[in-house]
C-alpha atoms as a PDB file:
ATOM      1  CA  UNK A   1      10.792 -23.911  -9.379  1.00  0.00           C
ATOM      2  CA  UNK A   2      11.950 -25.355  -5.797  1.00  0.00           C
ATOM      3  CA  UNK A   3      14.093 -23.168  -4.078  1.00  0.00           C
ATOM      4  CA  UNK A   4      16.694 -24.623  -1.719  1.00  0.00           C
ATOM      5  CA  UNK A   5      16.012 -23.952   1.763  1.00  0.00           C
ATOM      6  CA  UNK A   6      19.531 -23.654   2.670  1.00  0.00           C
ATOM      7  CA  UNK A   7      19.358 -20.143   0.876  1.00  0.00           C
ATOM      8  CA  UNK A   8      17.558 -17.432   2.751  1.00  0.00           C
ATOM      9  CA  UNK A   9      18.792 -14.942   0.187  1.00  0.00           C
ATOM     10  CA  UNK A  10      16.541 -16.289  -2.610  1.00  0.00           C
ATOM     11  CA  UNK A  11      14.909 -13.242  -4.205  1.00  0.00           C
ATOM     12  CA  UNK A  12      11.685 -14.873  -5.015  1.00  0.00           C
ATOM     13  CA  UNK A  13       8.822 -12.676  -4.449  1.00  0.00           C
ATOM     14  CA  UNK A  14       6.721 -13.786  -1.684  1.00  0.00           C
ATOM     15  CA  UNK A  15       3.782 -14.503  -4.036  1.00  0.00           C
ATOM     16  CA  UNK A  16       5.753 -16.233  -6.963  1.00  0.00           C
ATOM     17  CA  UNK A  17       3.740 -18.954  -8.374  1.00  0.00           C
ATOM     18  CA  UNK A  18       0.585 -18.144  -6.452  1.00  0.00           C
ATOM     19  CA  UNK A  19      -3.041 -17.805  -7.413  1.00  0.00           C
ATOM     20  CA  UNK A  20      -4.832 -15.914  -5.065  1.00  0.00           C
ATOM     21  CA  UNK A  21      -8.687 -15.406  -4.596  1.00  0.00           C
ATOM     22  CA  UNK A  22     -10.112 -12.692  -2.328  1.00  0.00           C
ATOM     23  CA  UNK A  23     -13.265 -13.263  -0.232  1.00  0.00           C
ATOM     24  CA  UNK A  24     -15.228 -10.972   1.964  1.00  0.00           C
ATOM     25  CA  UNK A  25     -14.705  -7.245   2.075  1.00  0.00           C
ATOM     26  CA  UNK A  26     -10.989  -6.063   2.480  1.00  0.00           C
ATOM     27  CA  UNK A  27     -10.672  -3.409   5.302  1.00  0.00           C
ATOM     28  CA  UNK A  28      -7.219  -1.847   4.253  1.00  0.00           C
ATOM     29  CA  UNK A  29      -7.224  -2.255   0.420  1.00  0.00           C
ATOM     30  CA  UNK A  30      -9.794  -1.978  -2.443  1.00  0.00           C
ATOM     31  CA  UNK A  31     -10.113  -5.204  -4.408  1.00  0.00           C
ATOM     32  CA  UNK A  32      -8.235  -3.635  -7.557  1.00  0.00           C
ATOM     33  CA  UNK A  33      -5.413  -2.566  -5.288  1.00  0.00           C
ATOM     34  CA  UNK A  34      -5.020  -5.891  -3.640  1.00  0.00           C
ATOM     35  CA  UNK A  35      -4.819  -7.348  -7.023  1.00  0.00           C
ATOM     36  CA  UNK A  36      -2.260  -5.193  -8.261  1.00  0.00           C
ATOM     37  CA  UNK A  37      -0.248  -6.015  -5.065  1.00  0.00           C
ATOM     38  CA  UNK A  38      -0.594  -9.421  -5.744  1.00  0.00           C
ATOM     39  CA  UNK A  39       0.890  -9.117  -9.180  1.00  0.00           C
ATOM     40  CA  UNK A  40       3.504  -6.836  -8.155  1.00  0.00           C
ATOM     41  CA  UNK A  41       4.808  -9.508  -5.570  1.00  0.00           C
ATOM     42  CA  UNK A  42       4.931 -12.308  -8.408  1.00  0.00           C
ATOM     43  CA  UNK A  43       1.163 -13.892  -8.081  1.00  0.00           C
ATOM     44  CA  UNK A  44      -1.832 -13.715 -10.046  1.00  0.00           C
ATOM     45  CA  UNK A  45      -5.438 -13.448  -9.053  1.00  0.00           C
ATOM     46  CA  UNK A  46      -8.746 -15.377  -9.773  1.00  0.00           C
ATOM     47  CA  UNK A  47     -12.399 -14.390  -9.110  1.00  0.00           C
ATOM     48  CA  UNK A  48     -13.183 -17.711  -8.194  1.00  0.00           C
ATOM     49  CA  UNK A  49     -11.820 -20.767  -6.388  1.00  0.00           C
ATOM     50  CA  UNK A  50     -10.840 -23.760  -8.649  1.00  0.00           C
ATOM     51  CA  UNK A  51      -8.198 -26.532  -8.152  1.00  0.00           C
ATOM     52  CA  UNK A  52      -5.386 -24.050  -9.301  1.00  0.00           C
ATOM     53  CA  UNK A  53      -6.069 -21.638  -6.627  1.00  0.00           C
ATOM     54  CA  UNK A  54      -2.943 -21.684  -4.045  1.00  0.00           C
ATOM     55  CA  UNK A  55      -4.539 -19.068  -1.569  1.00  0.00           C
ATOM     56  CA  UNK A  56      -7.377 -17.657  -0.062  1.00  0.00           C
ATOM     57  CA  UNK A  57      -7.597 -14.225   1.491  1.00  0.00           C
ATOM     58  CA  UNK A  58     -10.422 -13.548   3.939  1.00  0.00           C
ATOM     59  CA  UNK A  59     -11.228  -9.732   3.967  1.00  0.00           C
ATOM     60  CA  UNK A  60     -11.270  -8.156   7.702  1.00  0.00           C
ATOM     61  CA  UNK A  61     -14.327  -6.515   7.127  1.00  0.00           C
ATOM     62  CA  UNK A  62     -16.450  -9.667   6.984  1.00  0.00           C
ATOM     63  CA  UNK A  63     -19.111 -10.699   4.259  1.00  0.00           C
ATOM     64  CA  UNK A  64     -21.999  -9.198   3.118  1.00  0.00           C
ATOM     65  CA  UNK A  65     -25.545  -9.531   4.737  1.00  0.00           C
ATOM     66  CA  UNK A  66     -23.639 -10.568   8.050  1.00  0.00           C
ATOM     67  CA  UNK A  67     -22.713 -14.128   6.789  1.00  0.00           C
ATOM     68  CA  UNK A  68     -20.099 -16.093   9.001  1.00  0.00           C
ATOM     69  CA  UNK A  69     -18.596 -17.529   6.097  1.00  0.00           C
ATOM     70  CA  UNK A  70     -18.443 -17.420   1.913  1.00  0.00           C
ATOM     71  CA  UNK A  71     -18.939 -20.015  -0.505  1.00  0.00           C
ATOM     72  CA  UNK A  72     -15.551 -19.619  -1.401  1.00  0.00           C
ATOM     73  CA  UNK A  73     -14.238 -20.777   1.801  1.00  0.00           C
ATOM     74  CA  UNK A  74     -16.434 -23.822   1.744  1.00  0.00           C
ATOM     75  CA  UNK A  75     -15.129 -24.584  -1.583  1.00  0.00           C
ATOM     76  CA  UNK A  76     -11.325 -24.245  -0.543  1.00  0.00           C
ATOM     77  CA  UNK A  77     -12.222 -26.615   2.673  1.00  0.00           C
ATOM     78  CA  UNK A  78     -14.235 -28.962   0.349  1.00  0.00           C
ATOM     79  CA  UNK A  79     -10.964 -29.070  -2.107  1.00  0.00           C
ATOM     80  CA  UNK A  80      -8.454 -29.422   0.637  1.00  0.00           C
ATOM     81  CA  UNK A  81     -10.383 -32.216   2.453  1.00  0.00           C
ATOM     82  CA  UNK A  82     -11.183 -34.386  -0.457  1.00  0.00           C
ATOM     83  CA  UNK A  83      -9.450 -33.518  -3.441  1.00  0.00           C
ATOM     84  CA  UNK A  84      -5.578 -33.363  -2.474  1.00  0.00           C
ATOM     85  CA  UNK A  85      -5.649 -29.487  -2.570  1.00  0.00           C
ATOM     86  CA  UNK A  86      -3.680 -27.546  -0.005  1.00  0.00           C
ATOM     87  CA  UNK A  87      -4.853 -24.088  -0.667  1.00  0.00           C
ATOM     88  CA  UNK A  88      -3.848 -21.639   2.136  1.00  0.00           C
ATOM     89  CA  UNK A  89      -6.301 -19.834   3.852  1.00  0.00           C
ATOM     90  CA  UNK A  90      -5.208 -16.421   5.328  1.00  0.00           C
ATOM     91  CA  UNK A  91      -6.603 -13.643   7.120  1.00  0.00           C
ATOM     92  CA  UNK A  92      -6.078 -10.256   6.050  1.00  0.00           C
ATOM     93  CA  UNK A  93      -3.611  -9.434   8.444  1.00  0.00           C
ATOM     94  CA  UNK A  94      -1.769 -12.265   7.353  1.00  0.00           C
ATOM     95  CA  UNK A  95      -1.626 -11.452   3.625  1.00  0.00           C
ATOM     96  CA  UNK A  96      -0.384  -7.886   4.546  1.00  0.00           C
ATOM     97  CA  UNK A  97       2.543  -9.185   6.740  1.00  0.00           C
ATOM     98  CA  UNK A  98       3.287 -11.539   3.856  1.00  0.00           C
ATOM     99  CA  UNK A  99       3.432  -8.516   1.001  1.00  0.00           C
ATOM    100  CA  UNK A 100       4.904  -5.779   3.582  1.00  0.00           C
ATOM    101  CA  UNK A 101       1.665  -3.681   3.783  1.00  0.00           C
ATOM    102  CA  UNK A 102       0.670  -2.064   7.069  1.00  0.00           C
ATOM    103  CA  UNK A 103      -1.848  -4.526   8.623  1.00  0.00           C
ATOM    104  CA  UNK A 104      -5.537  -3.149   9.892  1.00  0.00           C
ATOM    105  CA  UNK A 105      -4.077  -3.171  13.547  1.00  0.00           C
ATOM    106  CA  UNK A 106      -1.255  -1.479  12.601  1.00  0.00           C
ATOM    107  CA  UNK A 107      -3.108   1.360  10.829  1.00  0.00           C
ATOM    108  CA  UNK A 108      -5.392   2.064  13.717  1.00  0.00           C
ATOM    109  CA  UNK A 109      -2.198   2.283  16.014  1.00  0.00           C
ATOM    110  CA  UNK A 110      -0.325   4.582  14.016  1.00  0.00           C
ATOM    111  CA  UNK A 111      -3.371   6.803  12.638  1.00  0.00           C
ATOM    112  CA  UNK A 112      -6.965   7.525  13.484  1.00  0.00           C
ATOM    113  CA  UNK A 113      -9.888   6.180  11.664  1.00  0.00           C
ATOM    114  CA  UNK A 114     -12.843   8.776  10.734  1.00  0.00           C
ATOM    115  CA  UNK A 115     -15.216   6.248  12.738  1.00  0.00           C
ATOM    116  CA  UNK A 116     -12.993   6.502  15.641  1.00  0.00           C
ATOM    117  CA  UNK A 117     -13.007  10.112  15.445  1.00  0.00           C
ATOM    118  CA  UNK A 118     -16.504  10.437  15.090  1.00  0.00           C
ATOM    119  CA  UNK A 119     -17.272   7.905  18.181  1.00  0.00           C
ATOM    120  CA  UNK A 120     -14.777  10.251  20.291  1.00  0.00           C
ATOM    121  CA  UNK A 121     -16.120  13.885  19.184  1.00  0.00           C
ATOM    122  CA  UNK A 122     -19.817  13.613  19.204  1.00  0.00           C
ATOM    123  CA  UNK A 123     -20.736  16.819  18.108  1.00  0.00           C
ATOM    124  CA  UNK A 124     -19.000  16.283  14.829  1.00  0.00           C
ATOM    125  CA  UNK A 125     -20.416  14.396  11.945  1.00  0.00           C
ATOM    126  CA  UNK A 126     -19.100  12.943   9.087  1.00  0.00           C
ATOM    127  CA  UNK A 127     -20.037  15.856   6.295  1.00  0.00           C
ATOM    128  CA  UNK A 128     -18.104  18.162   8.826  1.00  0.00           C
ATOM    129  CA  UNK A 129     -15.020  16.189   8.749  1.00  0.00           C
ATOM    130  CA  UNK A 130     -15.447  16.278   4.811  1.00  0.00           C
ATOM    131  CA  UNK A 131     -15.726  20.174   4.649  1.00  0.00           C
ATOM    132  CA  UNK A 132     -12.372  20.611   6.841  1.00  0.00           C
ATOM    133  CA  UNK A 133     -10.805  18.358   4.477  1.00  0.00           C
ATOM    134  CA  UNK A 134     -12.200  20.369   1.599  1.00  0.00           C
ATOM    135  CA  UNK A 135     -10.755  23.640   3.195  1.00  0.00           C
ATOM    136  CA  UNK A 136      -7.703  22.043   3.918  1.00  0.00           C
ATOM    137  CA  UNK A 137      -7.973  22.429   7.773  1.00  0.00           C
ATOM    138  CA  UNK A 138      -7.313  18.489   7.986  1.00  0.00           C
ATOM    139  CA  UNK A 139      -5.495  16.262   5.749  1.00  0.00           C
ATOM    140  CA  UNK A 140      -6.144  12.260   5.622  1.00  0.00           C
ATOM    141  CA  UNK A 141      -3.026  10.419   5.496  1.00  0.00           C
ATOM    142  CA  UNK A 142      -4.606   7.493   4.038  1.00  0.00           C
ATOM    143  CA  UNK A 143      -7.773   6.361   2.647  1.00  0.00           C
ATOM    144  CA  UNK A 144      -8.604   2.686   2.745  1.00  0.00           C
ATOM    145  CA  UNK A 145     -11.301   0.409   1.527  1.00  0.00           C
ATOM    146  CA  UNK A 146     -13.151   0.743   4.961  1.00  0.00           C
ATOM    147  CA  UNK A 147     -11.895   4.062   6.277  1.00  0.00           C
ATOM    148  CA  UNK A 148     -10.223   7.325   6.117  1.00  0.00           C
ATOM    149  CA  UNK A 149      -7.143   8.044   8.441  1.00  0.00           C
ATOM    150  CA  UNK A 150      -5.786  11.103   9.972  1.00  0.00           C
ATOM    151  CA  UNK A 151      -2.559  11.992  11.756  1.00  0.00           C
ATOM    152  CA  UNK A 152      -1.834  13.027  15.090  1.00  0.00           C
ATOM    153  CA  UNK A 153      -1.472  16.748  14.056  1.00  0.00           C
ATOM    154  CA  UNK A 154      -4.779  16.760  12.851  1.00  0.00           C
ATOM    155  CA  UNK A 155      -6.442  15.942  16.130  1.00  0.00           C
ATOM    156  CA  UNK A 156      -6.088  19.576  17.722  1.00  0.00           C
ATOM    157  CA  UNK A 157      -8.578  21.336  14.984  1.00  0.00           C
ATOM    158  CA  UNK A 158     -10.990  18.362  15.290  1.00  0.00           C
ATOM    159  CA  UNK A 159     -11.152  18.545  18.808  1.00  0.00           C
ATOM    160  CA  UNK A 160     -11.353  22.221  18.996  1.00  0.00           C
ATOM    161  CA  UNK A 161     -14.301  22.060  16.154  1.00  0.00           C
ATOM    162  CA  UNK A 162     -16.168  19.617  18.365  1.00  0.00           C
ATOM    163  CA  UNK A 163     -15.751  21.631  21.536  1.00  0.00           C
ATOM    164  CA  UNK A 164     -16.928  24.933  19.854  1.00  0.00           C
ATOM    165  CA  UNK A 165     -19.876  23.032  18.415  1.00  0.00           C
ATOM    166  CA  UNK A 166     -20.798  21.423  21.487  1.00  0.00           C
ATOM    167  CA  UNK A 167     -20.981  24.624  23.176  1.00  0.00           C
ATOM    168  CA  UNK A 168     -23.540  26.024  20.379  1.00  0.00           C
ATOM    169  CA  UNK A 169     -21.157  27.438  17.545  1.00  0.00           C
ATOM    170  CA  UNK A 170     -22.533  26.856  14.183  1.00  0.00           C
ATOM    171  CA  UNK A 171     -20.041  24.664  11.893  1.00  0.00           C
ATOM    172  CA  UNK A 172     -19.611  27.773   9.407  1.00  0.00           C
ATOM    173  CA  UNK A 173     -18.310  29.990  12.342  1.00  0.00           C
ATOM    174  CA  UNK A 174     -16.025  27.022  13.517  1.00  0.00           C
ATOM    175  CA  UNK A 175     -14.832  26.425  10.176  1.00  0.00           C
ATOM    176  CA  UNK A 176     -14.111  30.253   9.786  1.00  0.00           C
ATOM    177  CA  UNK A 177     -12.280  30.514  12.862  1.00  0.00           C
ATOM    178  CA  UNK A 178     -10.071  27.427  12.130  1.00  0.00           C
ATOM    179  CA  UNK A 179      -8.863  28.798   8.764  1.00  0.00           C
ATOM    180  CA  UNK A 180      -8.399  32.470  10.176  1.00  0.00           C
ATOM    181  CA  UNK A 181      -6.217  30.691  12.714  1.00  0.00           C
ATOM    182  CA  UNK A 182      -4.212  28.811  10.317  1.00  0.00           C
ATOM    183  CA  UNK A 183      -3.744  32.025   7.749  1.00  0.00           C
ATOM    184  CA  UNK A 184      -2.811  34.211  10.575  1.00  0.00           C
ATOM    185  CA  UNK A 185      -3.010  37.698   9.185  1.00  0.00           C
ATOM    186  CA  UNK A 186      -5.339  37.013   6.235  1.00  0.00           C
ATOM    187  CA  UNK A 187      -8.592  35.373   6.826  1.00  0.00           C
ATOM    188  CA  UNK A 188     -10.887  34.370   4.272  1.00  0.00           C
ATOM    189  CA  UNK A 189     -14.385  35.762   4.707  1.00  0.00           C
ATOM    190  CA  UNK A 190     -15.974  32.882   2.560  1.00  0.00           C
ATOM    191  CA  UNK A 191     -19.598  31.964   2.808  1.00  0.00           C
ATOM    192  CA  UNK A 192     -21.421  28.767   1.663  1.00  0.00           C
ATOM    193  CA  UNK A 193     -23.763  31.131  -0.284  1.00  0.00           C
ATOM    194  CA  UNK A 194     -22.003  32.570  -3.540  1.00  0.00           C
ATOM    195  CA  UNK A 195     -20.955  35.864  -2.632  1.00  0.00           C
ATOM    196  CA  UNK A 196     -17.552  36.674  -3.665  1.00  0.00           C
ATOM    197  CA  UNK A 197     -14.867  36.099  -1.042  1.00  0.00           C
ATOM    198  CA  UNK A 198     -13.497  39.054   0.420  1.00  0.00           C
ATOM    199  CA  UNK A 199     -10.204  39.115   2.138  1.00  0.00           C
ATOM    200  CA  UNK A 200     -10.480  40.517   5.592  1.00  0.00           C
ATOM    201  CA  UNK A 201      -7.220  41.844   7.422  1.00  0.00           C
ATOM    202  CA  UNK A 202      -7.320  41.374  10.775  1.00  0.00           C
END
């Protein structure tokens, strides 16, 4: 219903009564999560734009095939211009702010995205980072649709691995050294071949 504007304490969820459509690839959320978020905040989602839609959210990662816009945007503009609709067009940032999610910019200020780490530490590849995660050397704080993010404390082992590999060490020896330094007195002498793990006392 209509909310009296002099009552800021109105507890209507931010998307109450909204019918939301997403277009383009979202950078912070998967589509499923985004839809669930809309429902949690009192709205509903649709796959296609029609006259009942009230909000269009444009994903921060852009559109398939490098297109600059989408048919959904064109349809909304047409409905707004010629059919008396007033569909709000929001960027992903604005949508995140509306529902209290961290925006893409906030995430990249708070955490380190895989693509930035690989850009900074040139000796490392994505599969190296995956192995470091698998063996518990580093731990992602967040996985989004577009990237995996790490916290500040993971920079030290990543930087160490990068320096050692840039100096010619194999990834396996780097991984072993990082595991040994984490585990102190007991190092697992594992090898990626299938021999049984031996526990080596240092």
